């Protein structure tokens, strides 16, 4: 397919990129790639197998042979459902750690590109617009203040029945931001041609509308 039929939505943890990507994909009837889930799964697999996060070669091997399946409502790792487990803060920290490993990123690169489909793809992550789909037709970099992102995450965790501490979440988010922005390979940053949206004071509907406006400009034929 043409790379132009790809929308990338990148941003730091808690910026709302996953929610917005899912909404946009649903509106367009396009496929969705949650790239962060792949990194979380690699990290989770490493803990299951006792692989140290400093052992880059073994982490890359796990990434190359990751046994995972995505269904409409479930995520399975080695045929065990981990839908809720990969959404915890612990799994998010695993993803940040393995995402800093160049060999892991290289192992997952081709796998992520394989998600591209003829009807179109909405991909969310941290390097979708800069590395994975550099020729995407629409690139969004979604951000928000650390305090606001921690508040959103706190509410999400409480709603799902997970324990959460707001102050700890702020500290974790700031630490993850620093690690993601300063890693040697594919650091977290907007693509040169990305639209940067600060969602700190925006609702989900407002952000979705902004993204869809960019889609209509890029592809008037869609009638989106």
Protein backbone atom coordinates (compact mmCIF):
# COMPACT_ATOMS: atom_id res chain seq x y z
CA UNK A 1 0.00 0.00 0.00
CA UNK A 2 1.02 3.63 -0.27
CA UNK A 3 2.67 4.90 2.90
CA UNK A 4 0.41 7.95 2.53
CA UNK A 5 -2.54 5.95 3.86
CA UNK A 6 -0.95 5.87 7.29
CA UNK A 7 -1.69 8.16 10.23
CA UNK A 8 0.87 8.20 13.04
CA UNK A 9 0.08 9.40 16.55
CA UNK A 10 3.15 9.60 18.74
CA UNK A 11 3.66 10.99 22.21
CA UNK A 12 4.73 10.32 25.77
CA UNK A 13 3.03 8.03 28.25
CA UNK A 14 -0.43 9.19 29.28
CA UNK A 15 -0.83 11.70 26.45
CA UNK A 16 -3.96 9.91 25.22
CA UNK A 17 -2.47 8.71 21.95
CA UNK A 18 -3.92 5.21 22.28
CA UNK A 19 -7.44 6.50 22.92
CA UNK A 20 -7.26 8.98 20.05
CA UNK A 21 -5.75 6.43 17.65
CA UNK A 22 -8.55 3.96 18.41
CA UNK A 23 -11.20 6.63 17.86
CA UNK A 24 -9.72 7.79 14.57
CA UNK A 25 -9.31 4.22 13.31
CA UNK A 26 -12.94 3.47 14.18
CA UNK A 27 -14.19 6.59 12.40
CA UNK A 28 -12.23 5.74 9.25
CA UNK A 29 -12.72 1.97 9.38
CA UNK A 30 -8.94 1.54 9.24
CA UNK A 31 -6.62 -0.89 10.99
CA UNK A 32 -4.99 0.03 14.29
CA UNK A 33 -1.44 -0.59 15.48
CA UNK A 34 -0.75 -0.22 19.21
CA UNK A 35 3.03 -0.40 18.99
CA UNK A 36 3.46 0.11 22.71
CA UNK A 37 1.72 -3.21 23.32
CA UNK A 38 4.51 -5.02 21.47
CA UNK A 39 7.19 -3.49 23.69
CA UNK A 40 5.14 -4.23 26.80
CA UNK A 41 4.82 -7.84 25.65
CA UNK A 42 8.57 -8.16 25.11
CA UNK A 43 9.16 -6.82 28.61
CA UNK A 44 6.57 -9.13 30.10
CA UNK A 45 8.01 -12.10 28.24
CA UNK A 46 11.45 -11.22 29.63
CA UNK A 47 10.16 -11.33 33.20
CA UNK A 48 8.46 -14.67 32.57
CA UNK A 49 11.68 -16.18 31.24
CA UNK A 50 14.02 -14.53 33.73
CA UNK A 51 15.83 -12.50 31.08
CA UNK A 52 17.74 -9.52 32.50
CA UNK A 53 16.90 -6.15 30.97
CA UNK A 54 20.62 -5.57 30.43
CA UNK A 55 20.89 -8.68 28.25
CA UNK A 56 20.20 -6.99 24.93
CA UNK A 57 20.82 -10.01 22.74
CA UNK A 58 18.35 -12.22 24.59
CA UNK A 59 15.78 -9.41 24.62
CA UNK A 60 16.15 -9.07 20.86
CA UNK A 61 15.70 -12.83 20.48
CA UNK A 62 12.47 -12.62 22.47
CA UNK A 63 11.28 -9.78 20.23
CA UNK A 64 12.03 -11.72 17.04
CA UNK A 65 10.13 -14.79 18.22
CA UNK A 66 7.37 -13.14 20.27
CA UNK A 67 4.39 -15.50 20.39
CA UNK A 68 1.48 -13.09 20.59
CA UNK A 69 -1.99 -12.72 19.14
CA UNK A 70 -4.35 -9.77 19.08
CA UNK A 71 -8.10 -10.32 18.86
CA UNK A 72 -10.88 -7.73 18.93
CA UNK A 73 -10.92 -7.70 22.72
CA UNK A 74 -7.92 -9.71 23.94
CA UNK A 75 -4.13 -9.77 23.86
CA UNK A 76 -2.47 -13.16 24.24
CA UNK A 77 1.16 -13.96 25.00
CA UNK A 78 2.11 -17.59 24.46
CA UNK A 79 -1.66 -18.27 24.39
CA UNK A 80 -2.15 -16.77 27.88
CA UNK A 81 -4.43 -13.74 28.09
CA UNK A 82 -2.51 -10.67 29.27
CA UNK A 83 -4.96 -7.95 28.21
CA UNK A 84 -5.06 -6.30 31.63
CA UNK A 85 -1.54 -7.21 32.68
CA UNK A 86 0.13 -5.25 29.87
CA UNK A 87 -1.80 -2.10 30.82
CA UNK A 88 -0.27 -1.81 34.29
CA UNK A 89 2.34 0.81 35.17
CA UNK A 90 4.84 -2.00 35.74
CA UNK A 91 4.36 -3.23 32.16
CA UNK A 92 4.72 0.35 30.93
CA UNK A 93 8.06 0.63 32.65
CA UNK A 94 9.11 -2.69 31.10
CA UNK A 95 8.25 -1.22 27.68
CA UNK A 96 10.35 1.88 28.35
CA UNK A 97 13.33 -0.27 29.35
CA UNK A 98 13.22 -2.63 26.37
CA UNK A 99 12.36 0.24 24.03
CA UNK A 100 15.77 1.74 24.77
CA UNK A 101 17.49 -1.36 23.38
CA UNK A 102 18.48 -0.85 19.70
CA UNK A 103 18.40 -4.59 18.95
CA UNK A 104 14.81 -4.85 20.20
CA UNK A 105 13.67 -1.88 18.16
CA UNK A 106 15.28 -3.36 15.05
CA UNK A 107 13.64 -6.73 15.68
CA UNK A 108 10.19 -5.16 15.99
CA UNK A 109 10.53 -2.70 13.10
CA UNK A 110 9.55 -5.07 10.28
CA UNK A 111 6.82 -6.59 12.43
CA UNK A 112 5.23 -3.19 12.95
CA UNK A 113 5.37 -2.32 9.26
CA UNK A 114 3.57 -5.56 8.45
CA UNK A 115 0.47 -4.12 10.14
CA UNK A 116 0.05 -1.78 7.17
CA UNK A 117 -3.09 -2.67 5.22
CA UNK A 118 -4.65 -1.49 1.97
CA UNK A 119 -7.60 0.21 3.66
CA UNK A 120 -5.31 2.34 5.84
CA UNK A 121 -3.59 2.25 9.21
CA UNK A 122 -3.57 4.38 12.35
CA UNK A 123 -0.39 3.69 14.33
CA UNK A 124 0.32 4.98 17.82
CA UNK A 125 3.61 4.84 19.67
CA UNK A 126 6.75 6.86 20.23
CA UNK A 127 8.60 6.59 16.91
CA UNK A 128 5.83 5.82 14.41
CA UNK A 129 6.27 9.09 12.51
CA UNK A 130 10.04 9.34 12.82
CA UNK A 131 11.22 5.76 12.23
CA UNK A 132 8.52 3.19 11.47
CA UNK A 133 6.36 5.15 8.99
CA UNK A 134 8.45 8.21 7.99
CA UNK A 135 6.31 8.76 4.86
CA UNK A 136 2.95 8.72 6.67
CA UNK A 137 0.42 11.13 5.23
CA UNK A 138 -0.62 12.54 8.61
CA UNK A 139 1.66 12.74 11.63
CA UNK A 140 0.48 13.85 15.05
CA UNK A 141 2.62 14.32 18.15
CA UNK A 142 0.30 14.38 21.15
CA UNK A 143 1.48 15.67 24.48
CA UNK A 144 0.24 17.08 27.80
CA UNK A 145 1.79 18.20 31.07
CA UNK A 146 3.24 15.49 33.33
CA UNK A 147 0.72 16.39 36.02
CA UNK A 148 -2.23 16.04 33.66
CA UNK A 149 -0.96 12.76 32.23
CA UNK A 150 -0.47 11.38 35.74
CA UNK A 151 -4.00 12.44 36.68
CA UNK A 152 -5.46 10.67 33.64
CA UNK A 153 -3.47 7.54 34.34
CA UNK A 154 -4.49 7.61 38.00
CA UNK A 155 -8.17 7.74 37.02
CA UNK A 156 -7.74 4.93 34.48
CA UNK A 157 -6.05 2.67 37.02
CA UNK A 158 -8.66 3.34 39.69
CA UNK A 159 -11.49 2.64 37.23
CA UNK A 160 -9.90 -0.71 36.38
CA UNK A 161 -9.44 -1.61 40.02
CA UNK A 162 -5.65 -1.19 40.11
CA UNK A 163 -3.93 0.51 43.08
CA UNK A 164 -2.46 3.91 42.23
CA UNK A 165 -0.64 6.81 43.88
CA UNK A 166 -0.80 10.14 42.07
CA UNK A 167 2.53 11.48 43.32
CA UNK A 168 4.31 8.26 42.38
CA UNK A 169 2.73 8.36 38.92
CA UNK A 170 4.04 11.89 38.32
CA UNK A 171 7.55 10.76 39.27
CA UNK A 172 7.31 7.62 37.11
CA UNK A 173 6.04 9.57 34.10
CA UNK A 174 8.83 12.14 34.37
CA UNK A 175 11.44 9.39 34.68
CA UNK A 176 9.99 7.57 31.68
CA UNK A 177 9.89 10.80 29.65
CA UNK A 178 13.57 11.41 30.34
CA UNK A 179 14.54 7.83 29.49
CA UNK A 180 12.49 7.84 26.26
CA UNK A 181 13.74 11.25 25.12
CA UNK A 182 17.41 10.49 25.76
CA UNK A 183 17.74 6.93 24.44
CA UNK A 184 20.39 6.49 21.76
CA UNK A 185 18.05 4.98 19.15
CA UNK A 186 14.68 6.43 18.08
CA UNK A 187 14.36 8.96 20.89
CA UNK A 188 10.90 10.29 21.68
CA UNK A 189 10.46 13.49 19.67
CA UNK A 190 8.07 14.93 17.09
CA UNK A 191 8.81 14.21 13.44
CA UNK A 192 9.88 17.35 11.58
CA UNK A 193 6.56 17.36 9.70
CA UNK A 194 4.34 16.35 12.62
CA UNK A 195 1.52 18.47 14.02
CA UNK A 196 2.11 18.94 17.76
CA UNK A 197 -1.06 18.96 19.86
CA UNK A 198 -0.98 19.80 23.56
CA UNK A 199 -4.03 18.08 25.01
CA UNK A 200 -3.59 19.32 28.59
CA UNK A 201 -6.76 21.41 28.39
CA UNK A 202 -8.48 19.57 25.57
CA UNK A 203 -11.19 16.93 25.72
CA UNK A 204 -10.98 13.61 23.85
CA UNK A 205 -13.61 14.86 21.40
CA UNK A 206 -11.65 18.06 20.75
CA UNK A 207 -8.41 16.20 20.07
CA UNK A 208 -10.19 13.70 17.81
CA UNK A 209 -11.74 16.57 15.85
CA UNK A 210 -8.32 18.18 15.37
CA UNK A 211 -6.85 14.95 14.02
CA UNK A 212 -9.81 14.33 11.72
CA UNK A 213 -9.45 17.86 10.35
CA UNK A 214 -5.87 17.00 9.33
CA UNK A 215 -7.09 13.77 7.75
CA UNK A 216 -9.65 15.64 5.64
CA UNK A 217 -6.94 17.99 4.37
CA UNK A 218 -4.57 15.12 3.54
CA UNK A 219 -7.16 12.91 1.82
CA UNK A 220 -10.23 14.88 0.67
CA UNK A 221 -11.43 11.80 -1.21
CA UNK A 222 -12.13 9.95 2.05
CA UNK A 223 -15.07 12.16 2.93
CA UNK A 224 -14.05 11.72 6.58
